[in-house]
């Protein structure tokens, strides 16, 4: 995402208090209406201010701006934007890695809705999947999907892993038709 002198950089004129209230309200709405969540991947809260976004408008112009993000998944992200963006508009979002560096996630706008005075919630679907964990601080990892196993299932998993690791033969795929609990 290289800037030229003709690019405009603007950040949201939404106050920090208003931004937090908007994001909190959206989270409450999502929890109260699960049907609203059409995403197939696990969403993680990714509230960052001043995330660089480049918007490629249908007319051919491009705008660089700083936005406040809402959430992130392997397949997309959402953020607050001051104007309306048409479906299919190409965007690039700069995601900062927690260990340094950054990645540019390219995608297209899937939805844009007015949610407050001059704030639109924009949903973007990435062209290629990402791994959200590399952009989150370690203390935020707990909000990702974690599989919790009871002791019996843990023992079965360790046993199966030991068989695979200690076997003298090459592993072969199998189909498990049973369960530990009947």
Protein backbone atom coordinates (compact mmCIF):
# COMPACT_ATOMS: atom_id res chain seq x y z
CA UNK A 1 0.00 0.00 0.00
CA UNK A 2 2.18 2.84 -1.24
CA UNK A 3 0.89 6.37 -0.91
CA UNK A 4 1.19 8.96 -3.60
CA UNK A 5 0.94 12.68 -3.06
CA UNK A 6 -2.63 12.70 -4.39
CA UNK A 7 -3.85 10.28 -1.69
CA UNK A 8 -5.90 11.72 1.11
CA UNK A 9 -5.36 10.35 4.59
CA UNK A 10 -8.25 10.91 6.92
CA UNK A 11 -9.18 9.39 10.18
CA UNK A 12 -12.58 9.01 11.68
CA UNK A 13 -14.09 12.11 13.19
CA UNK A 14 -16.08 9.91 15.53
CA UNK A 15 -15.10 10.60 19.13
CA UNK A 16 -13.56 7.77 21.13
CA UNK A 17 -16.59 7.67 23.44
CA UNK A 18 -19.05 7.52 20.53
CA UNK A 19 -16.95 4.85 18.80
CA UNK A 20 -16.95 2.63 21.88
CA UNK A 21 -20.69 3.09 22.36
CA UNK A 22 -21.36 2.18 18.72
CA UNK A 23 -19.17 -0.92 18.87
CA UNK A 24 -20.66 -2.04 22.20
CA UNK A 25 -24.20 -1.58 20.82
CA UNK A 26 -23.33 -3.67 17.74
CA UNK A 27 -21.91 -6.44 19.94
CA UNK A 28 -25.11 -6.51 22.03
CA UNK A 29 -27.22 -6.70 18.86
CA UNK A 30 -25.15 -9.63 17.56
CA UNK A 31 -25.49 -11.55 20.84
CA UNK A 32 -29.24 -10.96 20.97
CA UNK A 33 -29.81 -12.00 17.34
CA UNK A 34 -27.53 -14.94 16.32
CA UNK A 35 -29.22 -15.14 12.89
CA UNK A 36 -27.49 -11.83 12.06
CA UNK A 37 -24.15 -13.62 12.05
CA UNK A 38 -23.78 -15.03 8.54
CA UNK A 39 -20.05 -15.56 8.81
CA UNK A 40 -18.75 -19.10 8.59
CA UNK A 41 -15.45 -18.44 10.39
CA UNK A 42 -14.99 -17.59 14.06
CA UNK A 43 -15.02 -13.84 14.67
CA UNK A 44 -12.63 -12.34 17.18
CA UNK A 45 -12.88 -8.90 18.69
CA UNK A 46 -10.28 -6.74 16.98
CA UNK A 47 -10.84 -3.22 18.21
CA UNK A 48 -7.97 -1.17 16.91
CA UNK A 49 -7.94 2.53 16.14
CA UNK A 50 -6.04 4.08 13.24
CA UNK A 51 -5.82 0.97 11.06
CA UNK A 52 -4.67 1.92 7.56
CA UNK A 53 -7.15 1.10 4.80
CA UNK A 54 -6.93 1.86 1.09
CA UNK A 55 -10.22 2.03 -0.80
CA UNK A 56 -10.30 1.61 -4.59
CA UNK A 57 -13.48 3.43 -5.65
CA UNK A 58 -15.52 2.20 -8.64
CA UNK A 59 -14.66 5.38 -10.59
CA UNK A 60 -10.97 4.51 -10.52
CA UNK A 61 -9.76 6.77 -7.72
CA UNK A 62 -8.20 5.48 -4.51
CA UNK A 63 -8.34 6.85 -0.99
CA UNK A 64 -6.17 5.98 1.99
CA UNK A 65 -7.65 6.46 5.41
CA UNK A 66 -7.39 5.41 9.02
CA UNK A 67 -10.35 3.49 10.46
CA UNK A 68 -11.44 1.82 13.67
CA UNK A 69 -11.80 -1.94 13.28
CA UNK A 70 -14.49 -3.99 14.98
CA UNK A 71 -13.67 -7.64 14.45
CA UNK A 72 -11.57 -10.03 12.43
CA UNK A 73 -11.90 -13.57 11.15
CA UNK A 74 -9.92 -15.80 8.82
CA UNK A 75 -12.20 -14.72 5.98
CA UNK A 76 -12.77 -11.02 6.60
CA UNK A 77 -13.01 -7.99 8.83
CA UNK A 78 -15.34 -5.16 9.71
CA UNK A 79 -14.57 -1.54 10.44
CA UNK A 80 -16.20 1.87 10.92
CA UNK A 81 -15.98 4.21 7.94
CA UNK A 82 -17.23 7.76 7.43
CA UNK A 83 -18.78 7.27 4.02
CA UNK A 84 -20.80 4.76 2.08
CA UNK A 85 -18.93 2.03 0.18
CA UNK A 86 -20.62 0.04 -2.56
CA UNK A 87 -20.65 -3.76 -2.53
CA UNK A 88 -17.73 -5.09 -4.53
CA UNK A 89 -15.50 -2.08 -3.82
CA UNK A 90 -11.91 -3.30 -3.48
CA UNK A 91 -10.07 -2.51 -0.24
CA UNK A 92 -6.72 -3.23 1.35
CA UNK A 93 -6.38 -3.39 5.13
CA UNK A 94 -2.97 -3.21 6.81
CA UNK A 95 -2.89 -5.71 9.68
CA UNK A 96 -0.03 -5.29 12.14
CA UNK A 97 1.56 -8.50 13.35
CA UNK A 98 2.07 -8.79 17.09
CA UNK A 99 5.71 -9.78 16.55
CA UNK A 100 6.47 -6.89 14.21
CA UNK A 101 5.82 -6.24 10.57
CA UNK A 102 2.51 -6.13 8.78
CA UNK A 103 0.40 -7.84 6.15
CA UNK A 104 -1.87 -6.28 3.58
CA UNK A 105 -5.18 -8.13 3.43
CA UNK A 106 -6.96 -7.52 0.13
CA UNK A 107 -10.69 -7.96 -0.16
CA UNK A 108 -14.03 -6.64 -1.34
CA UNK A 109 -16.84 -4.90 0.49
CA UNK A 110 -19.73 -7.29 1.20
CA UNK A 111 -21.94 -4.85 3.07
CA UNK A 112 -22.05 -1.25 4.26
CA UNK A 113 -24.74 0.07 6.56
CA UNK A 114 -25.30 3.42 8.22
CA UNK A 115 -25.22 2.83 11.97
CA UNK A 116 -24.82 6.35 13.40
CA UNK A 117 -24.71 9.94 12.16
CA UNK A 118 -21.66 9.67 9.92
CA UNK A 119 -20.53 6.15 10.74
CA UNK A 120 -20.99 3.17 8.44
CA UNK A 121 -20.19 -0.40 9.40
CA UNK A 122 -18.28 -1.96 6.50
CA UNK A 123 -17.83 -5.70 6.09
CA UNK A 124 -14.96 -6.97 3.95
CA UNK A 125 -14.37 -10.48 2.63
CA UNK A 126 -10.68 -11.26 2.13
CA UNK A 127 -9.41 -12.70 -1.16
CA UNK A 128 -7.26 -15.18 0.76
CA UNK A 129 -7.78 -16.53 4.25
CA UNK A 130 -5.65 -15.23 7.11
CA UNK A 131 -4.70 -16.59 10.53
CA UNK A 132 -6.13 -14.01 13.01
CA UNK A 133 -3.99 -15.21 15.91
CA UNK A 134 -0.86 -13.57 14.48
CA UNK A 135 -2.52 -10.14 14.78
CA UNK A 136 -3.81 -10.57 18.35
CA UNK A 137 -1.99 -10.01 21.61
CA UNK A 138 -1.45 -13.27 23.54
CA UNK A 139 -3.96 -12.24 26.23
CA UNK A 140 -6.63 -12.03 23.49
CA UNK A 141 -6.04 -15.64 22.35
CA UNK A 142 -8.59 -16.95 24.84
CA UNK A 143 -11.43 -15.56 22.73
CA UNK A 144 -10.58 -17.89 19.85
CA UNK A 145 -12.25 -21.27 19.51
CA UNK A 146 -10.59 -23.68 21.91
CA UNK A 147 -11.56 -27.33 22.12
CA UNK A 148 -11.97 -28.49 25.70
CA UNK A 149 -11.66 -32.22 26.24
CA UNK A 150 -12.46 -34.27 29.31
CA UNK A 151 -9.78 -36.58 30.74
CA UNK A 152 -11.01 -39.68 28.88
CA UNK A 153 -10.90 -37.95 25.49
CA UNK A 154 -7.51 -36.43 26.24
CA UNK A 155 -6.19 -39.91 27.09
CA UNK A 156 -7.62 -41.34 23.86
CA UNK A 157 -6.06 -38.54 21.82
CA UNK A 158 -2.64 -38.99 23.46
CA UNK A 159 -2.86 -42.75 22.93
CA UNK A 160 -3.67 -42.32 19.24
CA UNK A 161 -0.87 -39.80 18.83
CA UNK A 162 1.63 -42.14 20.50
CA UNK A 163 0.61 -44.98 18.16
CA UNK A 164 1.20 -42.74 15.15
CA UNK A 165 4.54 -41.40 16.43
CA UNK A 166 5.92 -44.78 17.56
CA UNK A 167 4.66 -46.86 14.67
CA UNK A 168 7.20 -48.51 12.39
CA UNK A 169 4.77 -48.41 9.49
CA UNK A 170 3.57 -45.42 7.51
CA UNK A 171 0.32 -43.93 8.76
CA UNK A 172 -2.88 -44.57 6.84
CA UNK A 173 -6.09 -42.58 6.99
CA UNK A 174 -8.99 -44.25 8.77
CA UNK A 175 -12.66 -43.47 9.16
CA UNK A 176 -13.83 -43.32 12.75
CA UNK A 177 -17.44 -44.53 12.90
CA UNK A 178 -17.68 -44.81 16.65
CA UNK A 179 -17.59 -42.57 19.69
CA UNK A 180 -16.24 -42.77 23.18
CA UNK A 181 -19.74 -42.08 24.50
CA UNK A 182 -22.63 -44.26 23.37
